[in-house]
Amino acid sequence: MSQQPSPALRGAVDLTGLGQQPQPGSAPSAGGGQPGASVLVEATDATFEQIVARSTTVPAVGVVWSSQHPESKQLLDETVAVAQGLEGRLQVVGMDVATNPGLMQALQPQQVPMAIGLLGGQAVHLLTGMPERQQLTEVLDQLLAAAVQNGITGRVQVSAEDASEATDGGADELPPLHQEAFDAIERDDLDAAASAYERALAENPKDAEASAGLAQVGLMRRTQGVDLDAARRAAADDPTDIDAALVVADLDVLGGHVEDGFTRLIDLVRTTAGDDRERVRTHLVGLFDVVGNHDERVRKGRTALMSALF
């Protein structure tokens, strides 16, 4: 099973229209969760709507597996192990598509196991296959950062069993400066988060996680308070407006339309020169860092950029 992580966390398939919506008040409020509840819940065709609704207050990761392929359950077990060390910040949702044809139809997984993020009633692909523990932890950290940015900060109340298992060998702790950055993101202090990542890079310039974190925080800072409709109108009215194009590319990546954002800037590289071209190129390379070099869309984007430059 190949491992194909994808950290672009806002793509998304809107799941709120599947079946009947839950009745008002059925989704637990932020910080909810039943006493003694586990971080793991099992989704069925009957309960999936309620679980999706809950993602408006509590971030979740859904692990799609199949009991017809028992080895695919390993990703679910690993995800639960990581989540047990996150103090209830992340709900894990097991989805056995072999016994739930509705989930199979809605999710249409091309391969199992697969992990999807559930935020605000939307699903976004996270990874396919079985990653290393560190890679899985990085992807879940990015999901939590996206949740915080969108105000989705509820928690499940961790059971005593989960707390015990986390203590006995759950997810590894983040390095101090990485934890400082994550805590700053949680309280919406992006300047402090950037400072923490910058200090981490000063200590270790090869810290890929800090570099990616700094790029993602930069994207968050640039898009805070931006009027999406106004930005898109400005870019449509004047395709040569570099400022507008950069803003819309940021919003595309933030919204999960990664290839659209890349293509917009690659096309602009082709039609600009000098300082303008360098400005666009630099911004695009920064977006590559946000998405991550392991992503196939970044590899294709870099190839297209080289073609546009030469």
C-alpha atoms as a PDB file:
ATOM      1  CA  MET A   1       0.000   0.000   0.000  1.00  0.00           C
ATOM      2  CA  SER A   2       1.612   3.233  -1.138  1.00  0.00           C
ATOM      3  CA  GLN A   3       1.636   6.307   1.053  1.00  0.00           C
ATOM      4  CA  GLN A   4       0.457   9.512  -0.588  1.00  0.00           C
ATOM      5  CA  PRO A   5      -0.004  12.296   1.967  1.00  0.00           C
ATOM      6  CA  SER A   6      -1.685  15.505   0.945  1.00  0.00           C
ATOM      7  CA  PRO A   7      -1.509  18.439   3.367  1.00  0.00           C
ATOM      8  CA  ALA A   8      -3.746  20.802   1.446  1.00  0.00           C
ATOM      9  CA  LEU A   9      -6.435  20.796   4.066  1.00  0.00           C
ATOM     10  CA  ARG A  10      -9.321  22.644   2.550  1.00  0.00           C
ATOM     11  CA  GLY A  11     -10.444  20.933  -0.480  1.00  0.00           C
ATOM     12  CA  ALA A  12     -13.287  19.634  -0.188  1.00  0.00           C
ATOM     13  CA  VAL A  13     -16.296  17.569  -0.705  1.00  0.00           C
ATOM     14  CA  ASP A  14     -19.297  19.043   1.073  1.00  0.00           C
ATOM     15  CA  LEU A  15     -20.932  16.228   3.023  1.00  0.00           C
ATOM     16  CA  THR A  16     -23.672  18.167   4.737  1.00  0.00           C
ATOM     17  CA  GLY A  17     -26.199  17.323   2.025  1.00  0.00           C
ATOM     18  CA  LEU A  18     -25.954  13.559   2.352  1.00  0.00           C
ATOM     19  CA  GLY A  19     -29.206  12.026   3.557  1.00  0.00           C
ATOM     20  CA  GLN A  20     -31.328  13.787   6.154  1.00  0.00           C
ATOM     21  CA  GLN A  21     -29.748  16.532   8.217  1.00  0.00           C
ATOM     22  CA  PRO A  22     -29.677  15.917  11.967  1.00  0.00           C
ATOM     23  CA  GLN A  23     -32.216  17.776  14.012  1.00  0.00           C
ATOM     24  CA  PRO A  24     -31.162  21.114  15.534  1.00  0.00           C
ATOM     25  CA  GLY A  25     -29.156  20.544  18.670  1.00  0.00           C
ATOM     26  CA  SER A  26     -28.104  17.029  17.744  1.00  0.00           C
ATOM     27  CA  ALA A  27     -24.499  18.025  17.135  1.00  0.00           C
ATOM     28  CA  PRO A  28     -22.596  18.397  20.402  1.00  0.00           C
ATOM     29  CA  SER A  29     -21.337  21.842  21.241  1.00  0.00           C
ATOM     30  CA  ALA A  30     -17.690  22.835  21.334  1.00  0.00           C
ATOM     31  CA  GLY A  31     -15.903  21.101  24.123  1.00  0.00           C
ATOM     32  CA  GLY A  32     -18.633  18.481  24.122  1.00  0.00           C
ATOM     33  CA  GLY A  33     -18.364  14.748  24.230  1.00  0.00           C
ATOM     34  CA  GLN A  34     -19.868  12.288  26.612  1.00  0.00           C
ATOM     35  CA  PRO A  35     -18.022  11.519  29.848  1.00  0.00           C
ATOM     36  CA  GLY A  36     -15.801   8.508  29.283  1.00  0.00           C
ATOM     37  CA  ALA A  37     -16.211   8.675  25.482  1.00  0.00           C
ATOM     38  CA  SER A  38     -13.391   7.294  23.382  1.00  0.00           C
ATOM     39  CA  VAL A  39     -11.504   9.305  20.790  1.00  0.00           C
ATOM     40  CA  LEU A  40     -12.676   6.605  18.354  1.00  0.00           C
ATOM     41  CA  VAL A  41     -16.208   6.362  17.009  1.00  0.00           C
ATOM     42  CA  GLU A  42     -17.395   3.990  14.321  1.00  0.00           C
ATOM     43  CA  ALA A  43     -19.400   5.556  11.502  1.00  0.00           C
ATOM     44  CA  THR A  44     -22.228   3.690   9.821  1.00  0.00           C
ATOM     45  CA  ASP A  45     -24.614   4.633   7.051  1.00  0.00           C
ATOM     46  CA  ALA A  46     -27.104   5.566   9.781  1.00  0.00           C
ATOM     47  CA  THR A  47     -24.782   7.639  11.974  1.00  0.00           C
ATOM     48  CA  PHE A  48     -22.542   9.335   9.418  1.00  0.00           C
ATOM     49  CA  GLU A  49     -24.711  12.457   9.126  1.00  0.00           C
ATOM     50  CA  GLN A  50     -24.511  13.140  12.864  1.00  0.00           C
ATOM     51  CA  ILE A  51     -20.746  12.627  12.831  1.00  0.00           C
ATOM     52  CA  VAL A  52     -20.364  15.030   9.910  1.00  0.00           C
ATOM     53  CA  ALA A  53     -22.507  17.601  11.711  1.00  0.00           C
ATOM     54  CA  ARG A  54     -20.307  17.326  14.771  1.00  0.00           C
ATOM     55  CA  SER A  55     -17.296  18.352  12.682  1.00  0.00           C
ATOM     56  CA  THR A  56     -18.594  21.927  12.826  1.00  0.00           C
ATOM     57  CA  THR A  57     -17.416  22.005  16.453  1.00  0.00           C
ATOM     58  CA  VAL A  58     -14.923  19.157  16.893  1.00  0.00           C
ATOM     59  CA  PRO A  59     -12.299  18.419  14.213  1.00  0.00           C
ATOM     60  CA  ALA A  60     -12.220  14.815  13.092  1.00  0.00           C
ATOM     61  CA  VAL A  61     -10.195  12.473  10.944  1.00  0.00           C
ATOM     62  CA  GLY A  62     -12.054   9.715   9.170  1.00  0.00           C
ATOM     63  CA  VAL A  63     -10.150   6.517   8.402  1.00  0.00           C
ATOM     64  CA  VAL A  64     -11.662   4.597   5.512  1.00  0.00           C
ATOM     65  CA  TRP A  65     -10.844   0.893   5.701  1.00  0.00           C
ATOM     66  CA  SER A  66     -12.431  -2.401   4.703  1.00  0.00           C
ATOM     67  CA  SER A  67     -13.025  -5.495   6.785  1.00  0.00           C
ATOM     68  CA  GLN A  68     -12.552  -7.400   3.524  1.00  0.00           C
ATOM     69  CA  HIS A  69      -8.924  -6.245   3.701  1.00  0.00           C
ATOM     70  CA  PRO A  70      -8.053  -6.558   7.422  1.00  0.00           C
ATOM     71  CA  GLU A  71      -4.569  -5.128   6.916  1.00  0.00           C
ATOM     72  CA  SER A  72      -6.186  -1.787   6.042  1.00  0.00           C
ATOM     73  CA  LYS A  73      -7.290  -1.414   9.673  1.00  0.00           C
ATOM     74  CA  GLN A  74      -3.681  -0.690  10.631  1.00  0.00           C
ATOM     75  CA  LEU A  75      -4.109   2.967   9.629  1.00  0.00           C
ATOM     76  CA  LEU A  76      -7.122   3.250  11.938  1.00  0.00           C
ATOM     77  CA  ASP A  77      -5.169   1.753  14.833  1.00  0.00           C
ATOM     78  CA  GLU A  78      -2.207   4.070  14.231  1.00  0.00           C
ATOM     79  CA  THR A  79      -4.447   7.126  13.958  1.00  0.00           C
ATOM     80  CA  VAL A  80      -6.152   6.294  17.237  1.00  0.00           C
ATOM     81  CA  ALA A  81      -2.732   5.897  18.893  1.00  0.00           C
ATOM     82  CA  VAL A  82      -1.705   9.385  17.745  1.00  0.00           C
ATOM     83  CA  ALA A  83      -5.065  10.938  18.691  1.00  0.00           C
ATOM     84  CA  GLN A  84      -4.857   9.502  22.211  1.00  0.00           C
ATOM     85  CA  GLY A  85      -1.960  11.861  22.834  1.00  0.00           C
ATOM     86  CA  LEU A  86      -3.827  14.980  21.653  1.00  0.00           C
ATOM     87  CA  GLU A  87      -5.943  15.557  24.771  1.00  0.00           C
ATOM     88  CA  GLY A  88      -9.253  15.151  22.985  1.00  0.00           C
ATOM     89  CA  ARG A  89      -8.547  17.735  20.270  1.00  0.00           C
ATOM     90  CA  LEU A  90      -9.268  15.225  17.502  1.00  0.00           C
ATOM     91  CA  GLN A  91     -12.074  12.738  17.003  1.00  0.00           C
ATOM     92  CA  VAL A  92     -11.167   9.598  15.039  1.00  0.00           C
ATOM     93  CA  VAL A  93     -13.938   8.119  12.908  1.00  0.00           C
ATOM     94  CA  GLY A  94     -13.621   4.543  11.679  1.00  0.00           C
ATOM     95  CA  MET A  95     -15.386   3.874   8.370  1.00  0.00           C
ATOM     96  CA  ASP A  96     -15.676   0.266   7.235  1.00  0.00           C
ATOM     97  CA  VAL A  97     -16.850   0.593   3.634  1.00  0.00           C
ATOM     98  CA  ALA A  98     -17.266  -3.187   3.311  1.00  0.00           C
ATOM     99  CA  THR A  99     -20.260  -3.144   5.657  1.00  0.00           C
ATOM    100  CA  ASN A 100     -21.614   0.329   4.850  1.00  0.00           C
ATOM    101  CA  PRO A 101     -22.527   0.714   1.170  1.00  0.00           C
ATOM    102  CA  GLY A 102     -23.750   4.276   1.749  1.00  0.00           C
ATOM    103  CA  LEU A 103     -20.304   5.319   2.915  1.00  0.00           C
ATOM    104  CA  MET A 104     -18.750   3.543  -0.041  1.00  0.00           C
ATOM    105  CA  GLN A 105     -21.011   5.460  -2.424  1.00  0.00           C
ATOM    106  CA  ALA A 106     -20.444   8.814  -0.720  1.00  0.00           C
ATOM    107  CA  LEU A 107     -16.671   8.552  -0.340  1.00  0.00           C
ATOM    108  CA  GLN A 108     -15.811   6.432  -3.395  1.00  0.00           C
ATOM    109  CA  PRO A 109     -12.328   5.520  -2.157  1.00  0.00           C
ATOM    110  CA  GLN A 110     -10.004   4.430  -4.935  1.00  0.00           C
ATOM    111  CA  GLN A 111      -7.845   2.619  -2.393  1.00  0.00           C
ATOM    112  CA  VAL A 112      -7.963   1.619   1.260  1.00  0.00           C
ATOM    113  CA  PRO A 113      -6.869   2.590   3.761  1.00  0.00           C
ATOM    114  CA  MET A 114      -7.470   6.297   3.265  1.00  0.00           C
ATOM    115  CA  ALA A 115      -7.686   9.174   5.729  1.00  0.00           C
ATOM    116  CA  ILE A 116      -9.904  12.215   5.275  1.00  0.00           C
ATOM    117  CA  GLY A 117     -10.220  15.326   7.378  1.00  0.00           C
ATOM    118  CA  LEU A 118     -13.694  16.337   8.542  1.00  0.00           C
ATOM    119  CA  LEU A 119     -14.033  20.056   9.236  1.00  0.00           C
ATOM    120  CA  GLY A 120     -17.187  22.124   9.215  1.00  0.00           C
ATOM    121  CA  GLY A 121     -19.264  19.526   7.390  1.00  0.00           C
ATOM    122  CA  GLN A 122     -16.683  19.050   4.657  1.00  0.00           C
ATOM    123  CA  ALA A 123     -14.305  16.231   3.863  1.00  0.00           C
ATOM    124  CA  VAL A 124     -10.820  16.706   2.456  1.00  0.00           C
ATOM    125  CA  HIS A 125      -8.358  14.011   1.431  1.00  0.00           C
ATOM    126  CA  LEU A 126      -5.366  13.709   3.755  1.00  0.00           C
ATOM    127  CA  LEU A 127      -3.492  10.582   2.721  1.00  0.00           C
ATOM    128  CA  THR A 128      -3.775   7.165   1.156  1.00  0.00           C
ATOM    129  CA  GLY A 129      -1.926   4.078   2.267  1.00  0.00           C
ATOM    130  CA  MET A 130       0.085   3.449   5.410  1.00  0.00           C
ATOM    131  CA  PRO A 131       2.500   6.274   6.344  1.00  0.00           C
ATOM    132  CA  GLU A 132       5.220   6.261   8.960  1.00  0.00           C
ATOM    133  CA  ARG A 133       4.070   7.418  12.419  1.00  0.00           C
ATOM    134  CA  GLN A 134       5.929  10.743  12.092  1.00  0.00           C
ATOM    135  CA  GLN A 135       4.317  11.491   8.723  1.00  0.00           C
ATOM    136  CA  LEU A 136       0.884  10.646  10.090  1.00  0.00           C
ATOM    137  CA  THR A 137       1.473  12.933  13.071  1.00  0.00           C
ATOM    138  CA  GLU A 138       2.528  15.796  10.790  1.00  0.00           C
ATOM    139  CA  VAL A 139      -0.618  15.484   8.674  1.00  0.00           C
ATOM    140  CA  LEU A 140      -2.865  15.420  11.757  1.00  0.00           C
ATOM    141  CA  ASP A 141      -1.059  18.461  13.177  1.00  0.00           C
ATOM    142  CA  GLN A 142      -1.815  20.305   9.932  1.00  0.00           C
ATOM    143  CA  LEU A 143      -5.458  19.265  10.169  1.00  0.00           C
ATOM    144  CA  LEU A 144      -5.652  20.656  13.705  1.00  0.00           C
ATOM    145  CA  ALA A 145      -3.994  23.916  12.598  1.00  0.00           C
ATOM    146  CA  ALA A 146      -6.605  24.274   9.852  1.00  0.00           C
ATOM    147  CA  ALA A 147      -9.349  23.577  12.386  1.00  0.00           C
ATOM    148  CA  VAL A 148      -8.064  26.299  14.705  1.00  0.00           C
ATOM    149  CA  GLN A 149      -7.938  28.804  11.851  1.00  0.00           C
ATOM    150  CA  ASN A 150     -11.578  28.037  11.109  1.00  0.00           C
ATOM    151  CA  GLY A 151     -12.642  28.325  14.746  1.00  0.00           C
ATOM    152  CA  ILE A 152     -13.271  24.593  15.164  1.00  0.00           C
ATOM    153  CA  THR A 153     -11.704  23.963  18.556  1.00  0.00           C
ATOM    154  CA  GLY A 154     -14.102  21.670  20.435  1.00  0.00           C
ATOM    155  CA  ARG A 155     -12.823  18.548  22.119  1.00  0.00           C
ATOM    156  CA  VAL A 156     -13.975  15.059  22.907  1.00  0.00           C
ATOM    157  CA  GLN A 157     -13.697  14.085  26.538  1.00  0.00           C
ATOM    158  CA  VAL A 158     -10.960  11.476  26.618  1.00  0.00           C
ATOM    159  CA  SER A 159     -11.761   8.270  28.443  1.00  0.00           C
ATOM    160  CA  ALA A 160      -9.514   6.931  31.182  1.00  0.00           C
ATOM    161  CA  GLU A 161      -8.526   4.088  28.858  1.00  0.00           C
ATOM    162  CA  ASP A 162      -7.441   6.510  26.129  1.00  0.00           C
ATOM    163  CA  ALA A 163      -5.486   8.623  28.604  1.00  0.00           C
ATOM    164  CA  SER A 164      -3.736   5.531  29.934  1.00  0.00           C
ATOM    165  CA  GLU A 165      -2.813   4.290  26.463  1.00  0.00           C
ATOM    166  CA  ALA A 166      -1.489   7.726  25.521  1.00  0.00           C
ATOM    167  CA  THR A 167       0.718   7.741  28.614  1.00  0.00           C
ATOM    168  CA  ASP A 168       1.945   4.228  27.813  1.00  0.00           C
ATOM    169  CA  GLY A 169       3.236   5.154  24.358  1.00  0.00           C
ATOM    170  CA  GLY A 170       0.943   7.369  22.295  1.00  0.00           C
ATOM    171  CA  ALA A 171       2.084  10.140  19.967  1.00  0.00           C
ATOM    172  CA  ASP A 172       5.510  11.637  20.494  1.00  0.00           C
ATOM    173  CA  GLU A 173       5.650  15.132  21.917  1.00  0.00           C
ATOM    174  CA  LEU A 174       6.396  17.996  19.569  1.00  0.00           C
ATOM    175  CA  PRO A 175       9.764  19.744  19.893  1.00  0.00           C
ATOM    176  CA  PRO A 176       9.404  22.738  22.282  1.00  0.00           C
ATOM    177  CA  LEU A 177       9.422  25.453  19.599  1.00  0.00           C
ATOM    178  CA  HIS A 178       7.005  23.496  17.416  1.00  0.00           C
ATOM    179  CA  GLN A 179       4.664  23.119  20.389  1.00  0.00           C
ATOM    180  CA  GLU A 180       5.023  26.844  21.083  1.00  0.00           C
ATOM    181  CA  ALA A 181       4.040  27.578  17.499  1.00  0.00           C
ATOM    182  CA  PHE A 182       1.055  25.229  17.619  1.00  0.00           C
ATOM    183  CA  ASP A 183      -0.156  26.716  20.906  1.00  0.00           C
ATOM    184  CA  ALA A 184       0.134  30.195  19.381  1.00  0.00           C
ATOM    185  CA  ILE A 185      -1.946  29.113  16.384  1.00  0.00           C
ATOM    186  CA  GLU A 186      -4.591  27.756  18.759  1.00  0.00           C
ATOM    187  CA  ARG A 187      -4.933  31.156  20.418  1.00  0.00           C
ATOM    188  CA  ASP A 188      -4.887  32.882  17.001  1.00  0.00           C
ATOM    189  CA  ASP A 189      -1.530  34.588  17.603  1.00  0.00           C
ATOM    190  CA  LEU A 190       0.015  34.041  14.193  1.00  0.00           C
ATOM    191  CA  ASP A 191       2.882  36.462  14.815  1.00  0.00           C
ATOM    192  CA  ALA A 192       3.993  34.401  17.801  1.00  0.00           C
ATOM    193  CA  ALA A 193       3.644  31.201  15.793  1.00  0.00           C
ATOM    194  CA  ALA A 194       5.826  32.608  13.018  1.00  0.00           C
ATOM    195  CA  SER A 195       8.410  33.713  15.574  1.00  0.00           C
ATOM    196  CA  ALA A 196       8.564  30.233  17.088  1.00  0.00           C
ATOM    197  CA  TYR A 197       9.059  28.586  13.708  1.00  0.00           C
ATOM    198  CA  GLU A 198      11.718  31.162  12.772  1.00  0.00           C
ATOM    199  CA  ARG A 199      13.617  30.375  15.967  1.00  0.00           C
ATOM    200  CA  ALA A 200      13.341  26.664  15.222  1.00  0.00           C
ATOM    201  CA  LEU A 201      14.848  27.280  11.786  1.00  0.00           C
ATOM    202  CA  ALA A 202      17.612  29.397  13.296  1.00  0.00           C
ATOM    203  CA  GLU A 203      18.519  26.423  15.484  1.00  0.00           C
ATOM    204  CA  ASN A 204      18.232  23.947  12.619  1.00  0.00           C
ATOM    205  CA  PRO A 205      17.993  25.384   9.072  1.00  0.00           C
ATOM    206  CA  LYS A 206      17.173  21.859   7.799  1.00  0.00           C
ATOM    207  CA  ASP A 207      14.048  21.553   9.982  1.00  0.00           C
ATOM    208  CA  ALA A 208      11.547  20.722   7.221  1.00  0.00           C
ATOM    209  CA  GLU A 209       8.583  20.729   9.604  1.00  0.00           C
ATOM    210  CA  ALA A 210       9.412  24.222  10.833  1.00  0.00           C
ATOM    211  CA  SER A 211       9.866  25.439   7.270  1.00  0.00           C
ATOM    212  CA  ALA A 212       6.486  24.040   6.238  1.00  0.00           C
ATOM    213  CA  GLY A 213       4.870  25.409   9.401  1.00  0.00           C
ATOM    214  CA  LEU A 214       6.260  28.877   8.749  1.00  0.00           C
ATOM    215  CA  ALA A 215       4.967  28.793   5.173  1.00  0.00           C
ATOM    216  CA  GLN A 216       1.513  27.743   6.347  1.00  0.00           C
ATOM    217  CA  VAL A 217       1.400  30.438   9.017  1.00  0.00           C
ATOM    218  CA  GLY A 218       2.435  32.961   6.367  1.00  0.00           C
ATOM    219  CA  LEU A 219      -0.514  31.899   4.236  1.00  0.00           C
ATOM    220  CA  MET A 220      -2.854  32.265   7.215  1.00  0.00           C
ATOM    221  CA  ARG A 221      -1.540  35.755   7.928  1.00  0.00           C
ATOM    222  CA  ARG A 222      -1.853  36.898   4.319  1.00  0.00           C
ATOM    223  CA  THR A 223      -5.446  35.749   3.989  1.00  0.00           C
ATOM    224  CA  GLN A 224      -6.808  37.003   7.310  1.00  0.00           C
ATOM    225  CA  GLY A 225      -9.772  39.295   6.700  1.00  0.00           C
ATOM    226  CA  VAL A 226      -9.571  39.036   2.905  1.00  0.00           C
ATOM    227  CA  ASP A 227     -12.868  39.493   1.048  1.00  0.00           C
ATOM    228  CA  LEU A 228     -12.991  36.453  -1.249  1.00  0.00           C
ATOM    229  CA  ASP A 229     -15.539  37.878  -3.679  1.00  0.00           C
ATOM    230  CA  ALA A 230     -13.781  41.243  -3.955  1.00  0.00           C
ATOM    231  CA  ALA A 231     -10.435  39.564  -4.550  1.00  0.00           C
ATOM    232  CA  ARG A 232     -11.801  37.368  -7.316  1.00  0.00           C
ATOM    233  CA  ARG A 233     -13.543  40.310  -8.975  1.00  0.00           C
ATOM    234  CA  ALA A 234     -10.324  42.333  -8.968  1.00  0.00           C
ATOM    235  CA  ALA A 235      -8.386  39.473 -10.549  1.00  0.00           C
ATOM    236  CA  ALA A 236     -11.084  38.898 -13.167  1.00  0.00           C
ATOM    237  CA  ASP A 237     -11.320  42.606 -14.049  1.00  0.00           C
ATOM    238  CA  ASP A 238      -7.568  42.891 -14.623  1.00  0.00           C
ATOM    239  CA  PRO A 239      -5.652  39.636 -15.300  1.00  0.00           C
ATOM    240  CA  THR A 240      -2.394  41.642 -15.199  1.00  0.00           C
ATOM    241  CA  ASP A 241      -3.016  42.834 -11.617  1.00  0.00           C
ATOM    242  CA  ILE A 242      -0.266  40.969  -9.782  1.00  0.00           C
ATOM    243  CA  ASP A 243      -1.490  41.898  -6.307  1.00  0.00           C
ATOM    244  CA  ALA A 244      -4.947  40.515  -7.045  1.00  0.00           C
ATOM    245  CA  ALA A 245      -3.539  37.362  -8.649  1.00  0.00           C
ATOM    246  CA  LEU A 246      -1.358  36.612  -5.622  1.00  0.00           C
ATOM    247  CA  VAL A 247      -4.296  37.032  -3.246  1.00  0.00           C
ATOM    248  CA  VAL A 248      -6.546  34.756  -5.295  1.00  0.00           C
ATOM    249  CA  ALA A 249      -3.813  32.135  -5.601  1.00  0.00           C
ATOM    250  CA  ASP A 250      -3.478  32.179  -1.810  1.00  0.00           C
ATOM    251  CA  LEU A 251      -7.221  31.754  -1.433  1.00  0.00           C
ATOM    252  CA  ASP A 252      -7.238  28.926  -3.984  1.00  0.00           C
ATOM    253  CA  VAL A 253      -4.621  26.980  -2.043  1.00  0.00           C
ATOM    254  CA  LEU A 254      -6.326  27.747   1.256  1.00  0.00           C
ATOM    255  CA  GLY A 255      -9.621  26.553  -0.201  1.00  0.00           C
ATOM    256  CA  GLY A 256      -8.157  23.307  -1.513  1.00  0.00           C
ATOM    257  CA  HIS A 257      -8.034  24.383  -5.175  1.00  0.00           C
ATOM    258  CA  VAL A 258      -4.298  23.860  -5.233  1.00  0.00           C
ATOM    259  CA  GLU A 259      -3.850  23.281  -8.950  1.00  0.00           C
ATOM    260  CA  ASP A 260      -5.945  26.369  -9.788  1.00  0.00           C
ATOM    261  CA  GLY A 261      -3.708  28.504  -7.585  1.00  0.00           C
ATOM    262  CA  PHE A 262      -0.545  27.097  -9.110  1.00  0.00           C
ATOM    263  CA  THR A 263      -1.804  27.457 -12.681  1.00  0.00           C
ATOM    264  CA  ARG A 264      -2.839  31.071 -12.120  1.00  0.00           C
ATOM    265  CA  LEU A 265       0.674  32.049 -11.048  1.00  0.00           C
ATOM    266  CA  ILE A 266       2.464  29.911 -13.645  1.00  0.00           C
ATOM    267  CA  ASP A 267       0.441  31.640 -16.372  1.00  0.00           C
ATOM    268  CA  LEU A 268       1.409  34.979 -14.847  1.00  0.00           C
ATOM    269  CA  VAL A 269       5.091  34.008 -14.859  1.00  0.00           C
ATOM    270  CA  ARG A 270       4.791  33.450 -18.612  1.00  0.00           C
ATOM    271  CA  THR A 271       3.429  36.952 -19.216  1.00  0.00           C
ATOM    272  CA  THR A 272       5.642  38.989 -16.867  1.00  0.00           C
ATOM    273  CA  ALA A 273       9.313  39.914 -16.817  1.00  0.00           C
ATOM    274  CA  GLY A 274      11.964  41.340 -14.530  1.00  0.00           C
ATOM    275  CA  ASP A 275      11.037  42.164 -10.962  1.00  0.00           C
ATOM    276  CA  ASP A 276       7.367  41.341 -11.540  1.00  0.00           C
ATOM    277  CA  ARG A 277       8.200  37.851 -12.755  1.00  0.00           C
ATOM    278  CA  GLU A 278      10.549  37.249  -9.824  1.00  0.00           C
ATOM    279  CA  ARG A 279       7.882  38.400  -7.384  1.00  0.00           C
ATOM    280  CA  VAL A 280       5.346  35.958  -8.809  1.00  0.00           C
ATOM    281  CA  ARG A 281       7.896  33.132  -8.944  1.00  0.00           C
ATOM    282  CA  THR A 282       8.891  33.661  -5.313  1.00  0.00           C
ATOM    283  CA  HIS A 283       5.268  33.686  -4.175  1.00  0.00           C
ATOM    284  CA  LEU A 284       4.566  30.478  -6.085  1.00  0.00           C
ATOM    285  CA  VAL A 285       7.573  28.726  -4.541  1.00  0.00           C
ATOM    286  CA  GLY A 286       6.206  29.758  -1.139  1.00  0.00           C
ATOM    287  CA  LEU A 287       2.914  28.068  -1.982  1.00  0.00           C
ATOM    288  CA  PHE A 288       4.824  24.935  -2.986  1.00  0.00           C
ATOM    289  CA  ASP A 289       6.264  24.954   0.539  1.00  0.00           C
ATOM    290  CA  VAL A 290       2.777  25.255   2.025  1.00  0.00           C
ATOM    291  CA  VAL A 291       1.508  22.190   0.167  1.00  0.00           C
ATOM    292  CA  GLY A 292       4.707  20.148   0.572  1.00  0.00           C
ATOM    293  CA  ASN A 293       7.287  18.746  -1.811  1.00  0.00           C
ATOM    294  CA  HIS A 294       5.939  15.202  -1.448  1.00  0.00           C
ATOM    295  CA  ASP A 295       2.658  16.237  -3.100  1.00  0.00           C
ATOM    296  CA  GLU A 296       2.335  15.236  -6.757  1.00  0.00           C
ATOM    297  CA  ARG A 297       0.716  18.598  -7.562  1.00  0.00           C
ATOM    298  CA  VAL A 298       3.846  20.357  -6.328  1.00  0.00           C
ATOM    299  CA  ARG A 299       6.084  18.153  -8.460  1.00  0.00           C
ATOM    300  CA  LYS A 300       3.963  18.958 -11.515  1.00  0.00           C
ATOM    301  CA  GLY A 301       3.866  22.630 -10.551  1.00  0.00           C
ATOM    302  CA  ARG A 302       7.651  22.842 -10.316  1.00  0.00           C
ATOM    303  CA  THR A 303       8.001  21.249 -13.745  1.00  0.00           C
ATOM    304  CA  ALA A 304       5.484  23.684 -15.233  1.00  0.00           C
ATOM    305  CA  LEU A 305       7.253  26.612 -13.566  1.00  0.00           C
ATOM    306  CA  MET A 306      10.583  25.612 -15.072  1.00  0.00           C
ATOM    307  CA  SER A 307       8.927  25.417 -18.486  1.00  0.00           C
ATOM    308  CA  ALA A 308       7.382  28.871 -18.009  1.00  0.00           C
ATOM    309  CA  LEU A 309      10.721  30.383 -16.984  1.00  0.00           C
ATOM    310  CA  PHE A 310      12.740  28.889 -19.817  1.00  0.00           C
END
